[in-house]
Amino acid sequence: MPTHFITLFVAVIFETIGTTALQASHQFTRPGPSIIVVIAYALAFYLLALTLKSMPVGIMYAIWSGSGIVLIALIGWVVFGQSLDWPAILGMALILGGIVIIQLFSKTALH
């Protein structure tokens, strides 16, 4: 797997950690999760900046945000007991499908 995809994947993981901690921070009233939010987002954006050396911003952002949406929705469902109805699940499936189409068929995925 090319390094820029690994870097992007790790950026998605840090973004997911940051967003999960954001929910746990209770609007930044809990110091521990609040610190995790800041550190995780800083690392995510740093890794995104590195990914931009090899990928166009639109493609990189589509993959990053789409993957993050799906992961956060799953974490919200499993960890925080938030519900997902069929339209939400279908929408996320379409997002994942879009990411797959970009990766398999788009010639713009790399500089």
PDB file of N, CA and C in Angstrom:
ATOM      1  N   MET A   1       0.855  -1.183   0.000  1.00  0.00           N
ATOM      2  CA  MET A   1       0.000   0.000   0.000  1.00  0.00           C
ATOM      3  C   MET A   1       0.896   1.239   0.000  1.00  0.00           C
ATOM      4  N   PRO A   2       0.612   2.205  -0.883  1.00  0.00           N
ATOM      5  CA  PRO A   2       1.436   3.425  -0.930  1.00  0.00           C
ATOM      6  C   PRO A   2       1.403   4.192   0.400  1.00  0.00           C
ATOM      7  N   THR A   3       2.516   4.837   0.680  1.00  0.00           N
ATOM      8  CA  THR A   3       2.642   5.549   1.955  1.00  0.00           C
ATOM      9  C   THR A   3       1.605   6.628   2.162  1.00  0.00           C
ATOM     10  N   HIS A   4       1.203   7.322   1.086  1.00  0.00           N
ATOM     11  CA  HIS A   4       0.223   8.397   1.273  1.00  0.00           C
ATOM     12  C   HIS A   4      -1.123   7.845   1.727  1.00  0.00           C
ATOM     13  N   PHE A   5      -1.460   6.620   1.348  1.00  0.00           N
ATOM     14  CA  PHE A   5      -2.709   6.031   1.833  1.00  0.00           C
ATOM     15  C   PHE A   5      -2.594   5.639   3.300  1.00  0.00           C
ATOM     16  N   ILE A   6      -1.439   5.161   3.697  1.00  0.00           N
ATOM     17  CA  ILE A   6      -1.221   4.831   5.117  1.00  0.00           C
ATOM     18  C   ILE A   6      -1.290   6.105   5.948  1.00  0.00           C
ATOM     19  N   THR A   7      -0.651   7.167   5.467  1.00  0.00           N
ATOM     20  CA  THR A   7      -0.690   8.450   6.171  1.00  0.00           C
ATOM     21  C   THR A   7      -2.119   8.960   6.275  1.00  0.00           C
ATOM     22  N   LEU A   8      -2.874   8.857   5.194  1.00  0.00           N
ATOM     23  CA  LEU A   8      -4.272   9.291   5.208  1.00  0.00           C
ATOM     24  C   LEU A   8      -5.104   8.434   6.161  1.00  0.00           C
ATOM     25  N   PHE A   9      -4.885   7.130   6.172  1.00  0.00           N
ATOM     26  CA  PHE A   9      -5.599   6.232   7.074  1.00  0.00           C
ATOM     27  C   PHE A   9      -5.324   6.604   8.537  1.00  0.00           C
ATOM     28  N   VAL A  10      -4.065   6.874   8.870  1.00  0.00           N
ATOM     29  CA  VAL A  10      -3.715   7.260  10.241  1.00  0.00           C
ATOM     30  C   VAL A  10      -4.348   8.614  10.577  1.00  0.00           C
ATOM     31  N   ALA A  11      -4.403   9.526   9.609  1.00  0.00           N
ATOM     32  CA  ALA A  11      -5.074  10.815   9.825  1.00  0.00           C
ATOM     33  C   ALA A  11      -6.550  10.605  10.150  1.00  0.00           C
ATOM     34  N   VAL A  12      -7.187   9.685   9.437  1.00  0.00           N
ATOM     35  CA  VAL A  12      -8.599   9.369   9.707  1.00  0.00           C
ATOM     36  C   VAL A  12      -8.750   8.810  11.117  1.00  0.00           C
ATOM     37  N   ILE A  13      -7.832   7.955  11.532  1.00  0.00           N
ATOM     38  CA  ILE A  13      -7.888   7.377  12.886  1.00  0.00           C
ATOM     39  C   ILE A  13      -7.773   8.488  13.929  1.00  0.00           C
ATOM     40  N   PHE A  14      -6.812   9.405  13.758  1.00  0.00           N
ATOM     41  CA  PHE A  14      -6.666  10.505  14.722  1.00  0.00           C
ATOM     42  C   PHE A  14      -7.887  11.421  14.720  1.00  0.00           C
ATOM     43  N   GLU A  15      -8.444  11.671  13.549  1.00  0.00           N
ATOM     44  CA  GLU A  15      -9.659  12.491  13.478  1.00  0.00           C
ATOM     45  C   GLU A  15     -10.808  11.803  14.206  1.00  0.00           C
ATOM     46  N   THR A  16     -10.897  10.503  14.063  1.00  0.00           N
ATOM     47  CA  THR A  16     -11.940   9.733  14.733  1.00  0.00           C
ATOM     48  C   THR A  16     -11.745   9.745  16.241  1.00  0.00           C
ATOM     49  N   ILE A  17     -10.517   9.616  16.669  1.00  0.00           N
ATOM     50  CA  ILE A  17     -10.210   9.698  18.106  1.00  0.00           C
ATOM     51  C   ILE A  17     -10.583  11.082  18.627  1.00  0.00           C
ATOM     52  N   GLY A  18     -10.211  12.123  17.887  1.00  0.00           N
ATOM     53  CA  GLY A  18     -10.516  13.484  18.309  1.00  0.00           C
ATOM     54  C   GLY A  18     -12.006  13.746  18.401  1.00  0.00           C
ATOM     55  N   THR A  19     -12.756  13.265  17.433  1.00  0.00           N
ATOM     56  CA  THR A  19     -14.200  13.494  17.441  1.00  0.00           C
ATOM     57  C   THR A  19     -14.878  12.693  18.544  1.00  0.00           C
ATOM     58  N   THR A  20     -14.396  11.480  18.794  1.00  0.00           N
ATOM     59  CA  THR A  20     -14.933  10.681  19.899  1.00  0.00           C
ATOM     60  C   THR A  20     -14.649  11.373  21.230  1.00  0.00           C
ATOM     61  N   ALA A  21     -13.436  11.890  21.379  1.00  0.00           N
ATOM     62  CA  ALA A  21     -13.094  12.618  22.599  1.00  0.00           C
ATOM     63  C   ALA A  21     -13.901  13.908  22.718  1.00  0.00           C
ATOM     64  N   LEU A  22     -14.245  14.521  21.595  1.00  0.00           N
ATOM     65  CA  LEU A  22     -15.065  15.732  21.617  1.00  0.00           C
ATOM     66  C   LEU A  22     -16.426  15.437  22.251  1.00  0.00           C
ATOM     67  N   GLN A  23     -17.019  14.307  21.886  1.00  0.00           N
ATOM     68  CA  GLN A  23     -18.288  13.899  22.511  1.00  0.00           C
ATOM     69  C   GLN A  23     -18.083  13.648  24.002  1.00  0.00           C
ATOM     70  N   ALA A  24     -16.976  12.987  24.344  1.00  0.00           N
ATOM     71  CA  ALA A  24     -16.703  12.663  25.748  1.00  0.00           C
ATOM     72  C   ALA A  24     -16.303  13.891  26.568  1.00  0.00           C
ATOM     73  N   SER A  25     -15.883  14.972  25.900  1.00  0.00           N
ATOM     74  CA  SER A  25     -15.428  16.165  26.632  1.00  0.00           C
ATOM     75  C   SER A  25     -16.583  16.962  27.229  1.00  0.00           C
ATOM     76  N   HIS A  26     -17.808  16.658  26.794  1.00  0.00           N
ATOM     77  CA  HIS A  26     -18.995  17.395  27.261  1.00  0.00           C
ATOM     78  C   HIS A  26     -18.794  18.896  27.079  1.00  0.00           C
ATOM     79  N   GLN A  27     -18.610  19.287  25.815  1.00  0.00           N
ATOM     80  CA  GLN A  27     -18.422  20.682  25.418  1.00  0.00           C
ATOM     81  C   GLN A  27     -17.207  21.310  26.119  1.00  0.00           C
ATOM     82  N   PHE A  28     -16.118  20.573  26.167  1.00  0.00           N
ATOM     83  CA  PHE A  28     -14.838  21.004  26.743  1.00  0.00           C
ATOM     84  C   PHE A  28     -14.920  21.297  28.238  1.00  0.00           C
ATOM     85  N   THR A  29     -15.819  20.641  28.953  1.00  0.00           N
ATOM     86  CA  THR A  29     -15.893  20.813  30.406  1.00  0.00           C
ATOM     87  C   THR A  29     -15.093  19.749  31.149  1.00  0.00           C
ATOM     88  N   ARG A  30     -14.632  18.730  30.452  1.00  0.00           N
ATOM     89  CA  ARG A  30     -13.797  17.685  31.051  1.00  0.00           C
ATOM     90  C   ARG A  30     -12.395  17.794  30.458  1.00  0.00           C
ATOM     91  N   PRO A  31     -11.383  18.067  31.299  1.00  0.00           N
ATOM     92  CA  PRO A  31     -10.041  18.362  30.792  1.00  0.00           C
ATOM     93  C   PRO A  31      -9.381  17.205  30.029  1.00  0.00           C
ATOM     94  N   GLY A  32      -9.482  15.985  30.516  1.00  0.00           N
ATOM     95  CA  GLY A  32      -8.813  14.856  29.861  1.00  0.00           C
ATOM     96  C   GLY A  32      -9.238  14.684  28.411  1.00  0.00           C
ATOM     97  N   PRO A  33     -10.531  14.473  28.154  1.00  0.00           N
ATOM     98  CA  PRO A  33     -10.971  14.337  26.765  1.00  0.00           C
ATOM     99  C   PRO A  33     -10.716  15.606  25.939  1.00  0.00           C
ATOM    100  N   SER A  34     -10.770  16.775  26.570  1.00  0.00           N
ATOM    101  CA  SER A  34     -10.525  18.025  25.841  1.00  0.00           C
ATOM    102  C   SER A  34      -9.090  18.088  25.322  1.00  0.00           C
ATOM    103  N   ILE A  35      -8.143  17.643  26.120  1.00  0.00           N
ATOM    104  CA  ILE A  35      -6.736  17.609  25.700  1.00  0.00           C
ATOM    105  C   ILE A  35      -6.556  16.617  24.559  1.00  0.00           C
ATOM    106  N   ILE A  36      -7.233  15.474  24.657  1.00  0.00           N
ATOM    107  CA  ILE A  36      -7.159  14.467  23.592  1.00  0.00           C
ATOM    108  C   ILE A  36      -7.700  15.048  22.281  1.00  0.00           C
ATOM    109  N   VAL A  37      -8.783  15.828  22.355  1.00  0.00           N
ATOM    110  CA  VAL A  37      -9.352  16.458  21.155  1.00  0.00           C
ATOM    111  C   VAL A  37      -8.288  17.293  20.446  1.00  0.00           C
ATOM    112  N   VAL A  38      -7.635  18.160  21.187  1.00  0.00           N
ATOM    113  CA  VAL A  38      -6.661  19.084  20.600  1.00  0.00           C
ATOM    114  C   VAL A  38      -5.478  18.316  19.999  1.00  0.00           C
ATOM    115  N   ILE A  39      -4.950  17.369  20.735  1.00  0.00           N
ATOM    116  CA  ILE A  39      -3.788  16.605  20.253  1.00  0.00           C
ATOM    117  C   ILE A  39      -4.159  15.763  19.033  1.00  0.00           C
ATOM    118  N   ALA A  40      -5.291  15.063  19.113  1.00  0.00           N
ATOM    119  CA  ALA A  40      -5.690  14.187  18.003  1.00  0.00           C
ATOM    120  C   ALA A  40      -5.963  14.981  16.730  1.00  0.00           C
ATOM    121  N   TYR A  41      -6.656  16.119  16.850  1.00  0.00           N
ATOM    122  CA  TYR A  41      -6.906  16.938  15.662  1.00  0.00           C
ATOM    123  C   TYR A  41      -5.615  17.533  15.111  1.00  0.00           C
ATOM    124  N   ALA A  42      -4.713  17.945  15.979  1.00  0.00           N
ATOM    125  CA  ALA A  42      -3.427  18.478  15.503  1.00  0.00           C
ATOM    126  C   ALA A  42      -2.674  17.414  14.707  1.00  0.00           C
ATOM    127  N   LEU A  43      -2.627  16.196  15.217  1.00  0.00           N
ATOM    128  CA  LEU A  43      -1.957  15.113  14.499  1.00  0.00           C
ATOM    129  C   LEU A  43      -2.677  14.783  13.187  1.00  0.00           C
ATOM    130  N   ALA A  44      -3.998  14.773  13.222  1.00  0.00           N
ATOM    131  CA  ALA A  44      -4.769  14.480  12.007  1.00  0.00           C
ATOM    132  C   ALA A  44      -4.474  15.509  10.922  1.00  0.00           C
ATOM    133  N   PHE A  45      -4.483  16.781  11.271  1.00  0.00           N
ATOM    134  CA  PHE A  45      -4.234  17.816  10.266  1.00  0.00           C
ATOM    135  C   PHE A  45      -2.788  17.817   9.786  1.00  0.00           C
ATOM    136  N   TYR A  46      -1.853  17.500  10.671  1.00  0.00           N
ATOM    137  CA  TYR A  46      -0.462  17.386  10.250  1.00  0.00           C
ATOM    138  C   TYR A  46      -0.323  16.266   9.211  1.00  0.00           C
ATOM    139  N   LEU A  47      -0.932  15.116   9.491  1.00  0.00           N
ATOM    140  CA  LEU A  47      -0.860  13.998   8.563  1.00  0.00           C
ATOM    141  C   LEU A  47      -1.587  14.308   7.250  1.00  0.00           C
ATOM    142  N   LEU A  48      -2.681  15.058   7.338  1.00  0.00           N
ATOM    143  CA  LEU A  48      -3.366  15.484   6.111  1.00  0.00           C
ATOM    144  C   LEU A  48      -2.453  16.362   5.264  1.00  0.00           C
ATOM    145  N   ALA A  49      -1.720  17.239   5.910  1.00  0.00           N
ATOM    146  CA  ALA A  49      -0.793  18.109   5.178  1.00  0.00           C
ATOM    147  C   ALA A  49       0.267  17.273   4.459  1.00  0.00           C
ATOM    148  N   LEU A  50       0.737  16.220   5.111  1.00  0.00           N
ATOM    149  CA  LEU A  50       1.713  15.341   4.458  1.00  0.00           C
ATOM    150  C   LEU A  50       1.095  14.617   3.269  1.00  0.00           C
ATOM    151  N   THR A  51      -0.153  14.216   3.418  1.00  0.00           N
ATOM    152  CA  THR A  51      -0.845  13.506   2.344  1.00  0.00           C
ATOM    153  C   THR A  51      -1.005  14.395   1.111  1.00  0.00           C
ATOM    154  N   LEU A  52      -1.140  15.691   1.324  1.00  0.00           N
ATOM    155  CA  LEU A  52      -1.319  16.628   0.197  1.00  0.00           C
ATOM    156  C   LEU A  52      -0.113  16.675  -0.744  1.00  0.00           C
ATOM    157  N   LYS A  53       1.023  16.152  -0.310  1.00  0.00           N
ATOM    158  CA  LYS A  53       2.184  16.084  -1.199  1.00  0.00           C
ATOM    159  C   LYS A  53       1.940  15.113  -2.350  1.00  0.00           C
ATOM    160  N   SER A  54       1.039  14.137  -2.128  1.00  0.00           N
ATOM    161  CA  SER A  54       0.824  13.087  -3.125  1.00  0.00           C
ATOM    162  C   SER A  54      -0.585  13.028  -3.684  1.00  0.00           C
ATOM    163  N   MET A  55      -1.545  13.697  -3.041  1.00  0.00           N
ATOM    164  CA  MET A  55      -2.934  13.616  -3.471  1.00  0.00           C
ATOM    165  C   MET A  55      -3.527  15.009  -3.615  1.00  0.00           C
ATOM    166  N   PRO A  56      -4.439  15.194  -4.566  1.00  0.00           N
ATOM    167  CA  PRO A  56      -5.139  16.476  -4.663  1.00  0.00           C
ATOM    168  C   PRO A  56      -6.048  16.681  -3.450  1.00  0.00           C
ATOM    169  N   VAL A  57      -6.223  17.919  -3.063  1.00  0.00           N
ATOM    170  CA  VAL A  57      -6.965  18.238  -1.847  1.00  0.00           C
ATOM    171  C   VAL A  57      -8.408  17.724  -1.898  1.00  0.00           C
ATOM    172  N   GLY A  58      -9.069  17.826  -3.029  1.00  0.00           N
ATOM    173  CA  GLY A  58     -10.460  17.391  -3.120  1.00  0.00           C
ATOM    174  C   GLY A  58     -10.622  15.898  -2.900  1.00  0.00           C
ATOM    175  N   ILE A  59      -9.750  15.117  -3.515  1.00  0.00           N
ATOM    176  CA  ILE A  59      -9.806  13.666  -3.368  1.00  0.00           C
ATOM    177  C   ILE A  59      -9.423  13.267  -1.946  1.00  0.00           C
ATOM    178  N   MET A  60      -8.349  13.866  -1.441  1.00  0.00           N
ATOM    179  CA  MET A  60      -7.901  13.561  -0.079  1.00  0.00           C
ATOM    180  C   MET A  60      -8.997  13.888   0.925  1.00  0.00           C
ATOM    181  N   TYR A  61      -9.625  15.034   0.760  1.00  0.00           N
ATOM    182  CA  TYR A  61     -10.654  15.450   1.709  1.00  0.00           C
ATOM    183  C   TYR A  61     -11.896  14.571   1.604  1.00  0.00           C
ATOM    184  N   ALA A  62     -12.248  14.160   0.398  1.00  0.00           N
ATOM    185  CA  ALA A  62     -13.410  13.274   0.221  1.00  0.00           C
ATOM    186  C   ALA A  62     -13.191  11.949   0.956  1.00  0.00           C
ATOM    187  N   ILE A  63     -12.004  11.403   0.807  1.00  0.00           N
ATOM    188  CA  ILE A  63     -11.699  10.135   1.478  1.00  0.00           C
ATOM    189  C   ILE A  63     -11.654  10.336   2.988  1.00  0.00           C
ATOM    190  N   TRP A  64     -10.985  11.394   3.432  1.00  0.00           N
ATOM    191  CA  TRP A  64     -10.839  11.650   4.866  1.00  0.00           C
ATOM    192  C   TRP A  64     -12.189  11.896   5.532  1.00  0.00           C
ATOM    193  N   SER A  65     -12.965  12.794   4.963  1.00  0.00           N
ATOM    194  CA  SER A  65     -14.242  13.132   5.598  1.00  0.00           C
ATOM    195  C   SER A  65     -15.241  11.993   5.489  1.00  0.00           C
ATOM    196  N   GLY A  66     -15.300  11.331   4.343  1.00  0.00           N
ATOM    197  CA  GLY A  66     -16.235  10.220   4.189  1.00  0.00           C
ATOM    198  C   GLY A  66     -15.922   9.071   5.129  1.00  0.00           C
ATOM    199  N   SER A  67     -14.658   8.725   5.218  1.00  0.00           N
ATOM    200  CA  SER A  67     -14.257   7.651   6.139  1.00  0.00           C
ATOM    201  C   SER A  67     -14.540   8.049   7.583  1.00  0.00           C
ATOM    202  N   GLY A  68     -14.246   9.304   7.912  1.00  0.00           N
ATOM    203  CA  GLY A  68     -14.504   9.792   9.271  1.00  0.00           C
ATOM    204  C   GLY A  68     -15.976   9.772   9.618  1.00  0.00           C
ATOM    205  N   ILE A  69     -16.840  10.151   8.676  1.00  0.00           N
ATOM    206  CA  ILE A  69     -18.289  10.139   8.915  1.00  0.00           C
ATOM    207  C   ILE A  69     -18.754   8.738   9.282  1.00  0.00           C
ATOM    208  N   VAL A  70     -18.328   7.770   8.497  1.00  0.00           N
ATOM    209  CA  VAL A  70     -18.766   6.393   8.727  1.00  0.00           C
ATOM    210  C   VAL A  70     -18.222   5.867  10.053  1.00  0.00           C
ATOM    211  N   LEU A  71     -16.938   6.085  10.318  1.00  0.00           N
ATOM    212  CA  LEU A  71     -16.356   5.592  11.575  1.00  0.00           C
ATOM    213  C   LEU A  71     -16.997   6.242  12.791  1.00  0.00           C
ATOM    214  N   ILE A  72     -17.208   7.555  12.739  1.00  0.00           N
ATOM    215  CA  ILE A  72     -17.821   8.254  13.875  1.00  0.00           C
ATOM    216  C   ILE A  72     -19.256   7.801  14.084  1.00  0.00           C
ATOM    217  N   ALA A  73     -19.987   7.587  13.015  1.00  0.00           N
ATOM    218  CA  ALA A  73     -21.360   7.097  13.156  1.00  0.00           C
ATOM    219  C   ALA A  73     -21.375   5.722  13.827  1.00  0.00           C
ATOM    220  N   LEU A  74     -20.444   4.863  13.433  1.00  0.00           N
ATOM    221  CA  LEU A  74     -20.363   3.541  14.058  1.00  0.00           C
ATOM    222  C   LEU A  74     -19.963   3.634  15.531  1.00  0.00           C
ATOM    223  N   ILE A  75     -19.017   4.505  15.835  1.00  0.00           N
ATOM    224  CA  ILE A  75     -18.612   4.694  17.234  1.00  0.00           C
ATOM    225  C   ILE A  75     -19.763   5.284  18.038  1.00  0.00           C
ATOM    226  N   GLY A  76     -20.474   6.256  17.469  1.00  0.00           N
ATOM    227  CA  GLY A  76     -21.629   6.828  18.161  1.00  0.00           C
ATOM    228  C   GLY A  76     -22.673   5.772  18.471  1.00  0.00           C
ATOM    229  N   TRP A  77     -22.863   4.845  17.541  1.00  0.00           N
ATOM    230  CA  TRP A  77     -23.839   3.774  17.728  1.00  0.00           C
ATOM    231  C   TRP A  77     -23.369   2.780  18.789  1.00  0.00           C
ATOM    232  N   VAL A  78     -22.099   2.340  18.703  1.00  0.00           N
ATOM    233  CA  VAL A  78     -21.580   1.313  19.610  1.00  0.00           C
ATOM    234  C   VAL A  78     -21.262   1.880  20.992  1.00  0.00           C
ATOM    235  N   VAL A  79     -20.557   2.996  21.046  1.00  0.00           N
ATOM    236  CA  VAL A  79     -20.053   3.523  22.316  1.00  0.00           C
ATOM    237  C   VAL A  79     -21.073   4.405  23.031  1.00  0.00           C
ATOM    238  N   PHE A  80     -21.738   5.276  22.274  1.00  0.00           N
ATOM    239  CA  PHE A  80     -22.620   6.256  22.900  1.00  0.00           C
ATOM    240  C   PHE A  80     -24.099   5.896  22.786  1.00  0.00           C
ATOM    241  N   GLY A  81     -24.423   4.768  22.160  1.00  0.00           N
ATOM    242  CA  GLY A  81     -25.809   4.323  22.061  1.00  0.00           C
ATOM    243  C   GLY A  81     -26.679   5.198  21.172  1.00  0.00           C
ATOM    244  N   GLN A  82     -26.079   5.905  20.237  1.00  0.00           N
ATOM    245  CA  GLN A  82     -26.840   6.748  19.326  1.00  0.00           C
ATOM    246  C   GLN A  82     -27.422   5.879  18.216  1.00  0.00           C
ATOM    247  N   SER A  83     -28.641   6.201  17.806  1.00  0.00           N
ATOM    248  CA  SER A  83     -29.313   5.339  16.839  1.00  0.00           C
ATOM    249  C   SER A  83     -28.969   5.718  15.402  1.00  0.00           C
ATOM    250  N   LEU A  84     -29.028   4.718  14.534  1.00  0.00           N
ATOM    251  CA  LEU A  84     -28.858   4.907  13.101  1.00  0.00           C
ATOM    252  C   LEU A  84     -30.086   4.305  12.426  1.00  0.00           C
ATOM    253  N   ASP A  85     -30.817   5.131  11.670  1.00  0.00           N
ATOM    254  CA  ASP A  85     -31.965   4.589  10.946  1.00  0.00           C
ATOM    255  C   ASP A  85     -31.512   4.181   9.537  1.00  0.00           C
ATOM    256  N   TRP A  86     -32.429   3.575   8.787  1.00  0.00           N
ATOM    257  CA  TRP A  86     -32.084   3.078   7.450  1.00  0.00           C
ATOM    258  C   TRP A  86     -31.620   4.171   6.494  1.00  0.00           C
ATOM    259  N   PRO A  87     -32.236   5.355   6.481  1.00  0.00           N
ATOM    260  CA  PRO A  87     -31.702   6.398   5.591  1.00  0.00           C
ATOM    261  C   PRO A  87     -30.257   6.785   5.939  1.00  0.00           C
ATOM    262  N   ALA A  88     -29.933   6.819   7.227  1.00  0.00           N
ATOM    263  CA  ALA A  88     -28.560   7.137   7.631  1.00  0.00           C
ATOM    264  C   ALA A  88     -27.594   6.045   7.180  1.00  0.00           C
ATOM    265  N   ILE A  89     -28.000   4.803   7.351  1.00  0.00           N
ATOM    266  CA  ILE A  89     -27.155   3.680   6.934  1.00  0.00           C
ATOM    267  C   ILE A  89     -26.976   3.683   5.417  1.00  0.00           C
ATOM    268  N   LEU A  90     -28.054   3.921   4.686  1.00  0.00           N
ATOM    269  CA  LEU A  90     -27.973   3.980   3.227  1.00  0.00           C
ATOM    270  C   LEU A  90     -27.060   5.121   2.772  1.00  0.00           C
ATOM    271  N   GLY A  91     -27.210   6.277   3.402  1.00  0.00           N
ATOM    272  CA  GLY A  91     -26.360   7.420   3.059  1.00  0.00           C
ATOM    273  C   GLY A  91     -24.892   7.119   3.291  1.00  0.00           C
ATOM    274  N   MET A  92     -24.580   6.469   4.390  1.00  0.00           N
ATOM    275  CA  MET A  92     -23.181   6.120   4.665  1.00  0.00           C
ATOM    276  C   MET A  92     -22.676   5.053   3.702  1.00  0.00           C
ATOM    277  N   ALA A  93     -23.543   4.143   3.309  1.00  0.00           N
ATOM    278  CA  ALA A  93     -23.144   3.148   2.303  1.00  0.00           C
ATOM    279  C   ALA A  93     -22.819   3.843   0.978  1.00  0.00           C
ATOM    280  N   LEU A  94     -23.603   4.856   0.626  1.00  0.00           N
ATOM    281  CA  LEU A  94     -23.325   5.610  -0.595  1.00  0.00           C
ATOM    282  C   LEU A  94     -21.998   6.376  -0.490  1.00  0.00           C
ATOM    283  N   ILE A  95     -21.722   6.908   0.695  1.00  0.00           N
ATOM    284  CA  ILE A  95     -20.436   7.592   0.912  1.00  0.00           C
ATOM    285  C   ILE A  95     -19.285   6.614   0.712  1.00  0.00           C
ATOM    286  N   LEU A  96     -19.380   5.444   1.318  1.00  0.00           N
ATOM    287  CA  LEU A  96     -18.330   4.437   1.155  1.00  0.00           C
ATOM    288  C   LEU A  96     -18.215   4.007  -0.306  1.00  0.00           C
ATOM    289  N   GLY A  97     -19.349   3.871  -0.968  1.00  0.00           N
ATOM    290  CA  GLY A  97     -19.324   3.533  -2.391  1.00  0.00           C
ATOM    291  C   GLY A  97     -18.604   4.591  -3.208  1.00  0.00           C
ATOM    292  N   GLY A  98     -18.829   5.845  -2.868  1.00  0.00           N
ATOM    293  CA  GLY A  98     -18.129   6.932  -3.553  1.00  0.00           C
ATOM    294  C   GLY A  98     -16.626   6.868  -3.351  1.00  0.00           C
ATOM    295  N   ILE A  99     -16.214   6.540  -2.147  1.00  0.00           N
ATOM    296  CA  ILE A  99     -14.777   6.409  -1.866  1.00  0.00           C
ATOM    297  C   ILE A  99     -14.185   5.273  -2.691  1.00  0.00           C
ATOM    298  N   VAL A 100     -14.885   4.159  -2.751  1.00  0.00           N
ATOM    299  CA  VAL A 100     -14.408   3.017  -3.535  1.00  0.00           C
ATOM    300  C   VAL A 100     -14.321   3.382  -5.021  1.00  0.00           C
ATOM    301  N   ILE A 101     -15.326   4.073  -5.532  1.00  0.00           N
ATOM    302  CA  ILE A 101     -15.312   4.477  -6.942  1.00  0.00           C
ATOM    303  C   ILE A 101     -14.133   5.401  -7.223  1.00  0.00           C
ATOM    304  N   ILE A 102     -13.880   6.340  -6.339  1.00  0.00           N
ATOM    305  CA  ILE A 102     -12.729   7.238  -6.511  1.00  0.00           C
ATOM    306  C   ILE A 102     -11.441   6.431  -6.584  1.00  0.00           C
ATOM    307  N   GLN A 103     -11.274   5.499  -5.646  1.00  0.00           N
ATOM    308  CA  GLN A 103     -10.033   4.737  -5.583  1.00  0.00           C
ATOM    309  C   GLN A 103      -9.861   3.794  -6.765  1.00  0.00           C
ATOM    310  N   LEU A 104     -10.937   3.208  -7.231  1.00  0.00           N
ATOM    311  CA  LEU A 104     -10.819   2.220  -8.300  1.00  0.00           C
ATOM    312  C   LEU A 104     -10.792   2.835  -9.699  1.00  0.00           C
ATOM    313  N   PHE A 105     -11.496   3.932  -9.898  1.00  0.00           N
ATOM    314  CA  PHE A 105     -11.698   4.414 -11.254  1.00  0.00           C
ATOM    315  C   PHE A 105     -11.186   5.819 -11.551  1.00  0.00           C
ATOM    316  N   SER A 106     -10.933   6.629 -10.540  1.00  0.00           N
ATOM    317  CA  SER A 106     -10.529   8.001 -10.796  1.00  0.00           C
ATOM    318  C   SER A 106      -9.040   8.088 -11.096  1.00  0.00           C
ATOM    319  N   LYS A 107      -8.731   8.841 -12.122  1.00  0.00           N
ATOM    320  CA  LYS A 107      -7.338   9.093 -12.466  1.00  0.00           C
ATOM    321  C   LYS A 107      -6.797  10.319 -11.717  1.00  0.00           C
ATOM    322  N   THR A 108      -7.675  11.016 -10.985  1.00  0.00           N
ATOM    323  CA  THR A 108      -7.250  12.213 -10.258  1.00  0.00           C
ATOM    324  C   THR A 108      -6.829  11.909  -8.824  1.00  0.00           C
ATOM    325  N   ALA A 109      -6.855  10.646  -8.420  1.00  0.00           N
ATOM    326  CA  ALA A 109      -6.539  10.303  -7.031  1.00  0.00           C
ATOM    327  C   ALA A 109      -5.093  10.566  -6.669  1.00  0.00           C
ATOM    328  N   LEU A 110      -4.226  10.696  -7.647  1.00  0.00           N
ATOM    329  CA  LEU A 110      -2.812  10.983  -7.380  1.00  0.00           C
ATOM    330  C   LEU A 110      -2.368  12.171  -8.218  1.00  0.00           C
ATOM    331  N   HIS A 111      -1.376  12.881  -7.704  1.00  0.00           N
ATOM    332  CA  HIS A 111      -0.784  13.995  -8.476  1.00  0.00           C
ATOM    333  C   HIS A 111      -0.028  13.427  -9.644  1.00  0.00           C
TER     334      HIS A 111
END
